Amino acid sequence: MRTRTSHFLLWLLALVFFAGNAQAQTKMSEDKSKRPSPPATVTGGTGATAFTIEYSRPSAKGRTVFGGLVPYGKVWRTGANEATTFEVKQAVKINGQALPAGKYALFTIPTEQEWTIVFNKTAAQWGSFKYDQAQDALRVTVKPTKASTPVEQFTITSDKAGTVTMAWENAQASFKVTK
């Protein structure tokens, strides 16, 4: 009787393991482009200032974004889903302040008058739920401006000079990446 029970428990344990592994594989192979906030990648800079930003693009859908969906004065993941990431292979300057080479979570803390752009050392995280200020590598403050036209879907762009602009709803904010 004890052997049968042991075999049954081993079989049950194996079943649970394989079912969990299959579920993890399904999650890992999820087609992120089918999400309501699809992923996007921005590359910018050249040579020593080259960078890559990976983020997800939520839509406003008639909602008040800044001061509503994205509360003023709170850390925001700068997009949707996983935290937005900013990666540089060499040390750069962000608005004149040094940022070592690496991959960072890119957070913002928007207010009506200024946005704090945060480069956090913990790049791999979901949203900003486990944000830890002690892990910040750099913070810069920028002034938001009014977007020339309303922006339905959150968008990050970069020009040839290394200026990164984040725009959504009626607001936009920029920072500059240099050597």
N, C-alpha and C. Protein backbone atom coordinates (compact mmCIF):
# COMPACT_ATOMS: atom_id res chain seq x y z
N MET A 1 0.82 -1.19 0.00
CA MET A 1 0.00 0.00 0.00
C MET A 1 0.87 1.26 0.00
N ARG A 2 1.95 1.22 0.80
CA ARG A 2 2.84 2.37 0.88
C ARG A 2 3.50 2.63 -0.47
N THR A 3 3.86 1.61 -1.22
CA THR A 3 4.49 1.77 -2.53
C THR A 3 3.52 2.41 -3.51
N ARG A 4 2.28 1.97 -3.50
CA ARG A 4 1.28 2.56 -4.38
C ARG A 4 1.09 4.05 -4.07
N THR A 5 1.02 4.37 -2.80
CA THR A 5 0.87 5.77 -2.41
C THR A 5 2.07 6.58 -2.86
N SER A 6 3.26 6.03 -2.69
CA SER A 6 4.48 6.73 -3.11
C SER A 6 4.49 6.94 -4.62
N HIS A 7 4.12 5.91 -5.39
CA HIS A 7 4.06 6.05 -6.84
C HIS A 7 3.02 7.09 -7.26
N PHE A 8 1.88 7.06 -6.60
CA PHE A 8 0.84 8.03 -6.92
C PHE A 8 1.32 9.46 -6.64
N LEU A 9 1.98 9.66 -5.49
CA LEU A 9 2.48 11.00 -5.15
C LEU A 9 3.55 11.45 -6.14
N LEU A 10 4.43 10.55 -6.54
CA LEU A 10 5.44 10.90 -7.54
C LEU A 10 4.80 11.26 -8.88
N TRP A 11 3.80 10.47 -9.28
CA TRP A 11 3.09 10.76 -10.53
C TRP A 11 2.40 12.12 -10.45
N LEU A 12 1.75 12.41 -9.32
CA LEU A 12 1.06 13.68 -9.13
C LEU A 12 2.05 14.84 -9.14
N LEU A 13 3.19 14.68 -8.49
CA LEU A 13 4.22 15.71 -8.47
C LEU A 13 4.74 15.98 -9.89
N ALA A 14 4.97 14.92 -10.66
CA ALA A 14 5.43 15.08 -12.04
C ALA A 14 4.39 15.80 -12.88
N LEU A 15 3.12 15.46 -12.68
CA LEU A 15 2.04 16.11 -13.42
C LEU A 15 2.00 17.61 -13.11
N VAL A 16 2.10 17.96 -11.84
CA VAL A 16 2.09 19.37 -11.44
C VAL A 16 3.30 20.09 -12.04
N PHE A 17 4.46 19.47 -12.00
CA PHE A 17 5.67 20.08 -12.56
C PHE A 17 5.52 20.34 -14.05
N PHE A 18 5.10 19.35 -14.80
CA PHE A 18 4.97 19.51 -16.25
C PHE A 18 3.86 20.49 -16.62
N ALA A 19 2.79 20.51 -15.87
CA ALA A 19 1.71 21.47 -16.15
C ALA A 19 2.19 22.88 -15.89
N GLY A 20 2.91 23.09 -14.79
CA GLY A 20 3.46 24.41 -14.48
C GLY A 20 4.48 24.85 -15.51
N ASN A 21 5.32 23.92 -15.96
CA ASN A 21 6.33 24.23 -16.98
C ASN A 21 5.67 24.60 -18.30
N ALA A 22 4.62 23.90 -18.68
CA ALA A 22 3.91 24.21 -19.92
C ALA A 22 3.26 25.58 -19.84
N GLN A 23 2.71 25.91 -18.68
CA GLN A 23 2.09 27.23 -18.50
C GLN A 23 3.15 28.32 -18.58
N ALA A 24 4.32 28.11 -17.99
CA ALA A 24 5.41 29.08 -18.06
C ALA A 24 5.88 29.27 -19.49
N GLN A 25 5.97 28.17 -20.25
CA GLN A 25 6.38 28.26 -21.65
C GLN A 25 5.37 29.07 -22.46
N THR A 26 4.08 28.88 -22.17
CA THR A 26 3.04 29.62 -22.87
C THR A 26 3.18 31.11 -22.58
N LYS A 27 3.43 31.47 -21.31
CA LYS A 27 3.60 32.87 -20.93
C LYS A 27 4.80 33.46 -21.65
N MET A 28 5.92 32.71 -21.70
CA MET A 28 7.14 33.22 -22.31
C MET A 28 6.97 33.41 -23.82
N SER A 29 6.14 32.62 -24.44
CA SER A 29 5.97 32.72 -25.88
C SER A 29 4.78 33.60 -26.27
N GLU A 30 4.20 34.29 -25.28
CA GLU A 30 3.07 35.17 -25.54
C GLU A 30 3.44 36.19 -26.63
N ASP A 31 2.52 36.41 -27.54
CA ASP A 31 2.73 37.40 -28.60
C ASP A 31 2.37 38.76 -28.03
N LYS A 32 3.39 39.50 -27.61
CA LYS A 32 3.16 40.80 -26.98
C LYS A 32 2.54 41.81 -27.92
N SER A 33 2.66 41.62 -29.23
CA SER A 33 2.08 42.57 -30.19
C SER A 33 0.55 42.55 -30.15
N LYS A 34 -0.02 41.51 -29.56
CA LYS A 34 -1.48 41.41 -29.48
C LYS A 34 -2.04 42.04 -28.19
N ARG A 35 -1.17 42.56 -27.35
CA ARG A 35 -1.62 43.21 -26.12
C ARG A 35 -2.35 44.52 -26.45
N PRO A 36 -3.24 44.97 -25.57
CA PRO A 36 -3.90 46.26 -25.78
C PRO A 36 -2.89 47.42 -25.84
N SER A 37 -1.76 47.27 -25.14
CA SER A 37 -0.67 48.25 -25.19
C SER A 37 0.53 47.55 -25.82
N PRO A 38 0.63 47.57 -27.16
CA PRO A 38 1.68 46.80 -27.84
C PRO A 38 3.08 47.34 -27.58
N PRO A 39 4.09 46.49 -27.74
CA PRO A 39 5.47 46.91 -27.51
C PRO A 39 6.01 47.75 -28.66
N ALA A 40 7.02 48.55 -28.35
CA ALA A 40 7.71 49.34 -29.36
C ALA A 40 9.17 49.47 -28.94
N THR A 41 10.02 49.71 -29.92
CA THR A 41 11.45 49.92 -29.67
C THR A 41 11.89 51.17 -30.38
N VAL A 42 12.68 51.98 -29.68
CA VAL A 42 13.24 53.20 -30.25
C VAL A 42 14.75 53.10 -30.12
N THR A 43 15.45 53.36 -31.21
CA THR A 43 16.90 53.44 -31.14
C THR A 43 17.28 54.87 -31.49
N GLY A 44 18.36 55.34 -30.89
CA GLY A 44 18.77 56.71 -31.14
C GLY A 44 20.24 56.89 -30.86
N GLY A 45 20.69 58.11 -31.06
CA GLY A 45 22.09 58.42 -30.89
C GLY A 45 22.92 57.72 -31.95
N THR A 46 24.20 57.99 -31.94
CA THR A 46 25.12 57.33 -32.87
C THR A 46 26.42 57.04 -32.15
N GLY A 47 27.11 55.99 -32.57
CA GLY A 47 28.41 55.66 -31.99
C GLY A 47 28.35 55.53 -30.49
N ALA A 48 29.13 56.38 -29.81
CA ALA A 48 29.24 56.31 -28.35
C ALA A 48 27.96 56.69 -27.63
N THR A 49 27.03 57.33 -28.31
CA THR A 49 25.78 57.73 -27.63
C THR A 49 24.59 56.87 -28.05
N ALA A 50 24.83 55.76 -28.74
CA ALA A 50 23.74 54.90 -29.20
C ALA A 50 22.98 54.33 -28.00
N PHE A 51 21.66 54.31 -28.11
CA PHE A 51 20.82 53.78 -27.04
C PHE A 51 19.59 53.09 -27.63
N THR A 52 18.97 52.26 -26.81
CA THR A 52 17.75 51.56 -27.18
C THR A 52 16.74 51.72 -26.05
N ILE A 53 15.51 52.04 -26.43
CA ILE A 53 14.42 52.15 -25.46
C ILE A 53 13.35 51.14 -25.87
N GLU A 54 12.93 50.31 -24.94
CA GLU A 54 11.85 49.34 -25.18
C GLU A 54 10.71 49.69 -24.23
N TYR A 55 9.51 49.80 -24.80
CA TYR A 55 8.37 50.22 -23.99
C TYR A 55 7.08 49.68 -24.59
N SER A 56 5.98 49.84 -23.85
CA SER A 56 4.66 49.48 -24.35
C SER A 56 3.85 50.74 -24.50
N ARG A 57 2.91 50.73 -25.48
CA ARG A 57 2.20 51.94 -25.91
C ARG A 57 0.72 51.92 -25.53
N PRO A 58 0.37 52.37 -24.32
CA PRO A 58 -1.05 52.45 -23.97
C PRO A 58 -1.76 53.55 -24.75
N SER A 59 -3.07 53.45 -24.84
CA SER A 59 -3.89 54.46 -25.53
C SER A 59 -4.70 55.25 -24.51
N ALA A 60 -4.98 56.50 -24.85
CA ALA A 60 -5.75 57.37 -23.96
C ALA A 60 -7.22 56.95 -23.89
N LYS A 61 -7.80 56.57 -25.01
CA LYS A 61 -9.20 56.13 -25.08
C LYS A 61 -10.16 57.10 -24.39
N GLY A 62 -9.95 58.40 -24.63
CA GLY A 62 -10.84 59.41 -24.08
C GLY A 62 -10.62 59.73 -22.62
N ARG A 63 -9.67 59.08 -21.97
CA ARG A 63 -9.40 59.31 -20.55
C ARG A 63 -8.47 60.51 -20.37
N THR A 64 -8.57 61.15 -19.23
CA THR A 64 -7.58 62.15 -18.84
C THR A 64 -6.34 61.38 -18.42
N VAL A 65 -5.23 61.63 -19.08
CA VAL A 65 -4.02 60.85 -18.80
C VAL A 65 -3.26 61.44 -17.63
N PHE A 66 -2.63 62.61 -17.83
CA PHE A 66 -1.79 63.18 -16.77
C PHE A 66 -2.66 63.91 -15.77
N GLY A 67 -2.50 63.50 -14.50
CA GLY A 67 -3.37 64.02 -13.45
C GLY A 67 -4.61 63.17 -13.29
N GLY A 68 -4.73 62.10 -14.06
CA GLY A 68 -5.87 61.18 -13.99
C GLY A 68 -5.35 59.75 -13.99
N LEU A 69 -5.30 59.14 -15.18
CA LEU A 69 -4.78 57.78 -15.33
C LEU A 69 -3.35 57.68 -14.78
N VAL A 70 -2.53 58.68 -15.06
CA VAL A 70 -1.17 58.79 -14.52
C VAL A 70 -1.20 59.92 -13.49
N PRO A 71 -1.28 59.57 -12.21
CA PRO A 71 -1.40 60.61 -11.18
C PRO A 71 -0.16 61.51 -11.11
N TYR A 72 -0.38 62.78 -10.88
CA TYR A 72 0.74 63.69 -10.67
C TYR A 72 1.48 63.34 -9.39
N GLY A 73 2.81 63.46 -9.44
CA GLY A 73 3.63 63.25 -8.25
C GLY A 73 3.90 61.80 -7.89
N LYS A 74 3.47 60.86 -8.73
CA LYS A 74 3.69 59.43 -8.46
C LYS A 74 4.61 58.83 -9.52
N VAL A 75 5.37 57.82 -9.15
CA VAL A 75 6.25 57.14 -10.10
C VAL A 75 5.40 56.41 -11.13
N TRP A 76 5.70 56.63 -12.39
CA TRP A 76 4.99 56.01 -13.51
C TRP A 76 5.98 55.19 -14.32
N ARG A 77 5.58 54.03 -14.80
CA ARG A 77 6.43 53.12 -15.55
C ARG A 77 6.81 53.65 -16.93
N THR A 78 6.27 54.79 -17.33
CA THR A 78 6.56 55.42 -18.62
C THR A 78 6.12 54.52 -19.76
N GLY A 79 4.88 54.12 -19.71
CA GLY A 79 4.30 53.24 -20.71
C GLY A 79 3.32 52.31 -20.03
N ALA A 80 3.33 51.05 -20.43
CA ALA A 80 2.43 50.05 -19.84
C ALA A 80 3.18 48.73 -19.72
N ASN A 81 2.56 47.78 -19.04
CA ASN A 81 3.11 46.42 -18.89
C ASN A 81 4.44 46.46 -18.15
N GLU A 82 5.47 45.79 -18.69
CA GLU A 82 6.78 45.80 -18.04
C GLU A 82 7.30 47.24 -17.99
N ALA A 83 8.22 47.48 -17.08
CA ALA A 83 8.83 48.81 -17.01
C ALA A 83 9.54 49.10 -18.33
N THR A 84 9.46 50.34 -18.78
CA THR A 84 10.19 50.78 -19.96
C THR A 84 11.68 50.67 -19.65
N THR A 85 12.48 50.23 -20.64
CA THR A 85 13.92 50.13 -20.41
C THR A 85 14.68 51.07 -21.33
N PHE A 86 15.81 51.53 -20.83
CA PHE A 86 16.75 52.40 -21.55
C PHE A 86 18.10 51.73 -21.44
N GLU A 87 18.73 51.42 -22.59
CA GLU A 87 20.01 50.72 -22.57
C GLU A 87 21.06 51.46 -23.38
N VAL A 88 22.24 51.62 -22.78
CA VAL A 88 23.40 52.21 -23.46
C VAL A 88 24.60 51.30 -23.25
N LYS A 89 25.40 51.13 -24.29
CA LYS A 89 26.58 50.25 -24.21
C LYS A 89 27.80 50.99 -23.66
N GLN A 90 27.78 52.33 -23.73
CA GLN A 90 28.86 53.15 -23.21
C GLN A 90 28.28 54.23 -22.31
N ALA A 91 29.10 54.77 -21.43
CA ALA A 91 28.64 55.85 -20.56
C ALA A 91 28.20 57.04 -21.41
N VAL A 92 27.12 57.69 -21.00
CA VAL A 92 26.59 58.86 -21.71
C VAL A 92 26.25 59.93 -20.67
N LYS A 93 25.79 61.06 -21.19
CA LYS A 93 25.26 62.10 -20.32
C LYS A 93 23.80 62.32 -20.70
N ILE A 94 22.98 62.46 -19.69
CA ILE A 94 21.56 62.76 -19.86
C ILE A 94 21.37 64.19 -19.36
N ASN A 95 21.04 65.08 -20.27
CA ASN A 95 20.94 66.51 -19.92
C ASN A 95 22.16 66.98 -19.14
N GLY A 96 23.33 66.50 -19.56
CA GLY A 96 24.59 66.93 -18.96
C GLY A 96 25.03 66.16 -17.74
N GLN A 97 24.23 65.19 -17.26
CA GLN A 97 24.58 64.41 -16.08
C GLN A 97 25.00 63.00 -16.48
N ALA A 98 26.04 62.49 -15.85
CA ALA A 98 26.64 61.20 -16.22
C ALA A 98 25.72 60.02 -15.90
N LEU A 99 25.63 59.10 -16.88
CA LEU A 99 24.91 57.84 -16.70
C LEU A 99 25.83 56.73 -17.19
N PRO A 100 26.25 55.79 -16.31
CA PRO A 100 27.13 54.70 -16.75
C PRO A 100 26.44 53.80 -17.77
N ALA A 101 27.26 53.08 -18.53
CA ALA A 101 26.72 52.08 -19.46
C ALA A 101 25.86 51.09 -18.67
N GLY A 102 24.80 50.60 -19.30
CA GLY A 102 23.95 49.62 -18.64
C GLY A 102 22.53 49.66 -19.16
N LYS A 103 21.71 48.81 -18.56
CA LYS A 103 20.29 48.75 -18.90
C LYS A 103 19.51 49.18 -17.67
N TYR A 104 18.61 50.13 -17.86
CA TYR A 104 17.89 50.76 -16.76
C TYR A 104 16.38 50.72 -17.00
N ALA A 105 15.62 50.68 -15.91
CA ALA A 105 14.18 50.95 -16.01
C ALA A 105 14.06 52.46 -16.13
N LEU A 106 13.23 52.91 -17.05
CA LEU A 106 13.02 54.33 -17.27
C LEU A 106 11.65 54.71 -16.70
N PHE A 107 11.67 55.42 -15.59
CA PHE A 107 10.45 55.86 -14.94
C PHE A 107 10.33 57.37 -15.09
N THR A 108 9.12 57.89 -14.90
CA THR A 108 8.92 59.32 -14.82
C THR A 108 8.02 59.62 -13.64
N ILE A 109 8.20 60.80 -13.10
CA ILE A 109 7.32 61.31 -12.05
C ILE A 109 6.80 62.63 -12.59
N PRO A 110 5.63 62.61 -13.26
CA PRO A 110 5.12 63.84 -13.85
C PRO A 110 4.37 64.71 -12.85
N THR A 111 4.52 66.00 -13.01
CA THR A 111 3.66 66.99 -12.35
C THR A 111 3.28 67.98 -13.44
N GLU A 112 2.42 68.92 -13.13
CA GLU A 112 2.03 69.90 -14.13
C GLU A 112 3.20 70.78 -14.55
N GLN A 113 4.11 71.06 -13.63
CA GLN A 113 5.20 72.00 -13.88
C GLN A 113 6.51 71.35 -14.32
N GLU A 114 6.77 70.12 -13.88
CA GLU A 114 8.02 69.45 -14.25
C GLU A 114 7.85 67.93 -14.17
N TRP A 115 8.71 67.24 -14.91
CA TRP A 115 8.76 65.79 -14.86
C TRP A 115 10.15 65.39 -14.37
N THR A 116 10.20 64.43 -13.49
CA THR A 116 11.47 63.84 -13.09
C THR A 116 11.64 62.57 -13.90
N ILE A 117 12.73 62.50 -14.65
CA ILE A 117 13.06 61.31 -15.44
C ILE A 117 14.01 60.48 -14.59
N VAL A 118 13.67 59.22 -14.37
CA VAL A 118 14.41 58.35 -13.46
C VAL A 118 15.01 57.18 -14.24
N PHE A 119 16.31 56.95 -14.07
CA PHE A 119 17.01 55.80 -14.63
C PHE A 119 17.33 54.89 -13.45
N ASN A 120 16.60 53.77 -13.34
CA ASN A 120 16.69 52.88 -12.19
C ASN A 120 17.45 51.62 -12.57
N LYS A 121 18.34 51.17 -11.69
CA LYS A 121 19.22 50.03 -11.98
C LYS A 121 18.48 48.70 -12.11
N THR A 122 17.25 48.60 -11.62
CA THR A 122 16.49 47.36 -11.71
C THR A 122 15.64 47.40 -12.98
N ALA A 123 16.24 46.98 -14.10
CA ALA A 123 15.57 47.09 -15.40
C ALA A 123 14.42 46.10 -15.55
N ALA A 124 14.61 44.89 -15.07
CA ALA A 124 13.61 43.83 -15.28
C ALA A 124 12.59 43.85 -14.15
N GLN A 125 11.50 44.57 -14.36
CA GLN A 125 10.42 44.59 -13.38
C GLN A 125 9.11 44.90 -14.08
N TRP A 126 8.03 44.48 -13.46
CA TRP A 126 6.70 44.71 -14.02
C TRP A 126 6.22 46.06 -13.50
N GLY A 127 5.95 46.97 -14.42
CA GLY A 127 5.45 48.28 -14.01
C GLY A 127 6.39 48.98 -13.06
N SER A 128 5.81 49.70 -12.11
CA SER A 128 6.61 50.39 -11.09
C SER A 128 6.21 49.94 -9.69
N PHE A 129 5.58 48.78 -9.61
CA PHE A 129 5.04 48.31 -8.34
C PHE A 129 6.12 48.05 -7.30
N LYS A 130 7.31 47.63 -7.73
CA LYS A 130 8.40 47.35 -6.80
C LYS A 130 9.53 48.36 -6.95
N TYR A 131 9.18 49.55 -7.45
CA TYR A 131 10.17 50.61 -7.62
C TYR A 131 10.85 50.90 -6.29
N ASP A 132 12.19 50.99 -6.33
CA ASP A 132 12.99 51.27 -5.15
C ASP A 132 13.91 52.45 -5.48
N GLN A 133 13.63 53.59 -4.88
CA GLN A 133 14.41 54.80 -5.15
C GLN A 133 15.89 54.60 -4.86
N ALA A 134 16.22 53.72 -3.93
CA ALA A 134 17.64 53.46 -3.61
C ALA A 134 18.39 52.88 -4.81
N GLN A 135 17.66 52.34 -5.79
CA GLN A 135 18.28 51.76 -6.98
C GLN A 135 18.40 52.77 -8.14
N ASP A 136 18.04 54.02 -7.91
CA ASP A 136 18.15 55.02 -8.97
C ASP A 136 19.61 55.29 -9.29
N ALA A 137 19.95 55.24 -10.57
CA ALA A 137 21.30 55.59 -11.02
C ALA A 137 21.37 57.08 -11.34
N LEU A 138 20.25 57.65 -11.78
CA LEU A 138 20.22 59.06 -12.17
C LEU A 138 18.79 59.57 -12.20
N ARG A 139 18.63 60.82 -11.81
CA ARG A 139 17.35 61.53 -11.94
C ARG A 139 17.64 62.88 -12.58
N VAL A 140 16.85 63.24 -13.58
CA VAL A 140 16.94 64.57 -14.18
C VAL A 140 15.54 65.17 -14.22
N THR A 141 15.47 66.49 -14.11
CA THR A 141 14.19 67.18 -14.12
C THR A 141 14.07 67.94 -15.43
N VAL A 142 12.90 67.81 -16.07
CA VAL A 142 12.63 68.50 -17.33
C VAL A 142 11.28 69.20 -17.24
N LYS A 143 11.10 70.19 -18.10
CA LYS A 143 9.83 70.91 -18.17
C LYS A 143 8.97 70.31 -19.28
N PRO A 144 7.75 69.88 -18.96
CA PRO A 144 6.87 69.39 -20.02
C PRO A 144 6.35 70.55 -20.86
N THR A 145 5.98 70.25 -22.09
CA THR A 145 5.37 71.25 -22.95
C THR A 145 4.07 70.67 -23.50
N LYS A 146 3.28 71.53 -24.09
CA LYS A 146 2.02 71.09 -24.69
C LYS A 146 2.33 70.46 -26.05
N ALA A 147 1.78 69.30 -26.30
CA ALA A 147 1.95 68.64 -27.61
C ALA A 147 1.23 69.48 -28.66
N SER A 148 1.81 69.56 -29.87
CA SER A 148 1.21 70.37 -30.93
C SER A 148 -0.16 69.83 -31.35
N THR A 149 -0.34 68.52 -31.27
CA THR A 149 -1.64 67.89 -31.52
C THR A 149 -1.82 66.79 -30.48
N PRO A 150 -3.04 66.45 -30.13
CA PRO A 150 -3.26 65.38 -29.15
C PRO A 150 -2.63 64.06 -29.63
N VAL A 151 -2.05 63.32 -28.68
CA VAL A 151 -1.40 62.04 -28.96
C VAL A 151 -2.22 60.94 -28.30
N GLU A 152 -2.91 60.13 -29.12
CA GLU A 152 -3.78 59.07 -28.60
C GLU A 152 -2.99 57.95 -27.94
N GLN A 153 -1.93 57.50 -28.59
CA GLN A 153 -1.16 56.36 -28.08
C GLN A 153 0.21 56.86 -27.63
N PHE A 154 0.57 56.52 -26.38
CA PHE A 154 1.85 56.95 -25.82
C PHE A 154 2.96 56.65 -26.81
N THR A 155 3.83 57.65 -27.06
CA THR A 155 4.87 57.52 -28.07
C THR A 155 6.18 58.09 -27.56
N ILE A 156 7.26 57.34 -27.80
CA ILE A 156 8.61 57.82 -27.53
C ILE A 156 9.32 57.92 -28.87
N THR A 157 9.95 59.06 -29.13
CA THR A 157 10.71 59.25 -30.36
C THR A 157 12.11 59.75 -30.02
N SER A 158 13.00 59.65 -31.00
CA SER A 158 14.35 60.18 -30.85
C SER A 158 14.77 60.81 -32.17
N ASP A 159 15.45 61.94 -32.09
CA ASP A 159 15.97 62.53 -33.32
C ASP A 159 17.46 62.21 -33.46
N LYS A 160 18.07 62.65 -34.55
CA LYS A 160 19.48 62.34 -34.82
C LYS A 160 20.43 62.97 -33.81
N ALA A 161 19.99 64.03 -33.17
CA ALA A 161 20.84 64.71 -32.18
C ALA A 161 20.78 64.03 -30.81
N GLY A 162 19.96 62.98 -30.67
CA GLY A 162 19.88 62.26 -29.40
C GLY A 162 18.84 62.81 -28.44
N THR A 163 17.91 63.63 -28.92
CA THR A 163 16.84 64.14 -28.07
C THR A 163 15.70 63.12 -28.06
N VAL A 164 15.35 62.67 -26.88
CA VAL A 164 14.27 61.71 -26.68
C VAL A 164 13.03 62.48 -26.23
N THR A 165 11.92 62.25 -26.93
CA THR A 165 10.67 62.92 -26.58
C THR A 165 9.60 61.87 -26.27
N MET A 166 8.95 62.05 -25.12
CA MET A 166 7.86 61.19 -24.69
C MET A 166 6.58 62.02 -24.80
N ALA A 167 5.59 61.52 -25.53
CA ALA A 167 4.36 62.29 -25.74
C ALA A 167 3.13 61.42 -25.55
N TRP A 168 2.12 62.02 -24.89
CA TRP A 168 0.84 61.34 -24.71
C TRP A 168 -0.20 62.38 -24.34
N GLU A 169 -1.37 62.20 -24.86
CA GLU A 169 -2.50 63.10 -24.63
C GLU A 169 -2.08 64.49 -25.12
N ASN A 170 -2.02 65.48 -24.24
CA ASN A 170 -1.67 66.84 -24.64
C ASN A 170 -0.30 67.29 -24.14
N ALA A 171 0.48 66.35 -23.59
CA ALA A 171 1.76 66.72 -22.97
C ALA A 171 2.92 65.97 -23.62
N GLN A 172 4.07 66.58 -23.54
CA GLN A 172 5.30 65.92 -23.98
C GLN A 172 6.45 66.44 -23.13
N ALA A 173 7.48 65.61 -22.99
CA ALA A 173 8.68 65.98 -22.25
C ALA A 173 9.87 65.34 -22.96
N SER A 174 11.01 66.03 -22.90
CA SER A 174 12.19 65.55 -23.63
C SER A 174 13.44 65.58 -22.75
N PHE A 175 14.39 64.73 -23.10
CA PHE A 175 15.73 64.78 -22.52
C PHE A 175 16.73 64.48 -23.61
N LYS A 176 17.97 64.89 -23.38
CA LYS A 176 19.01 64.78 -24.42
C LYS A 176 20.09 63.82 -23.97
N VAL A 177 20.49 62.91 -24.88
CA VAL A 177 21.56 61.95 -24.64
C VAL A 177 22.80 62.41 -25.41
N THR A 178 23.90 62.64 -24.70
CA THR A 178 25.16 63.08 -25.34
C THR A 178 26.33 62.31 -24.76
N LYS A 179 27.50 62.50 -25.34
CA LYS A 179 28.74 61.85 -24.87
C LYS A 179 29.29 62.59 -23.70
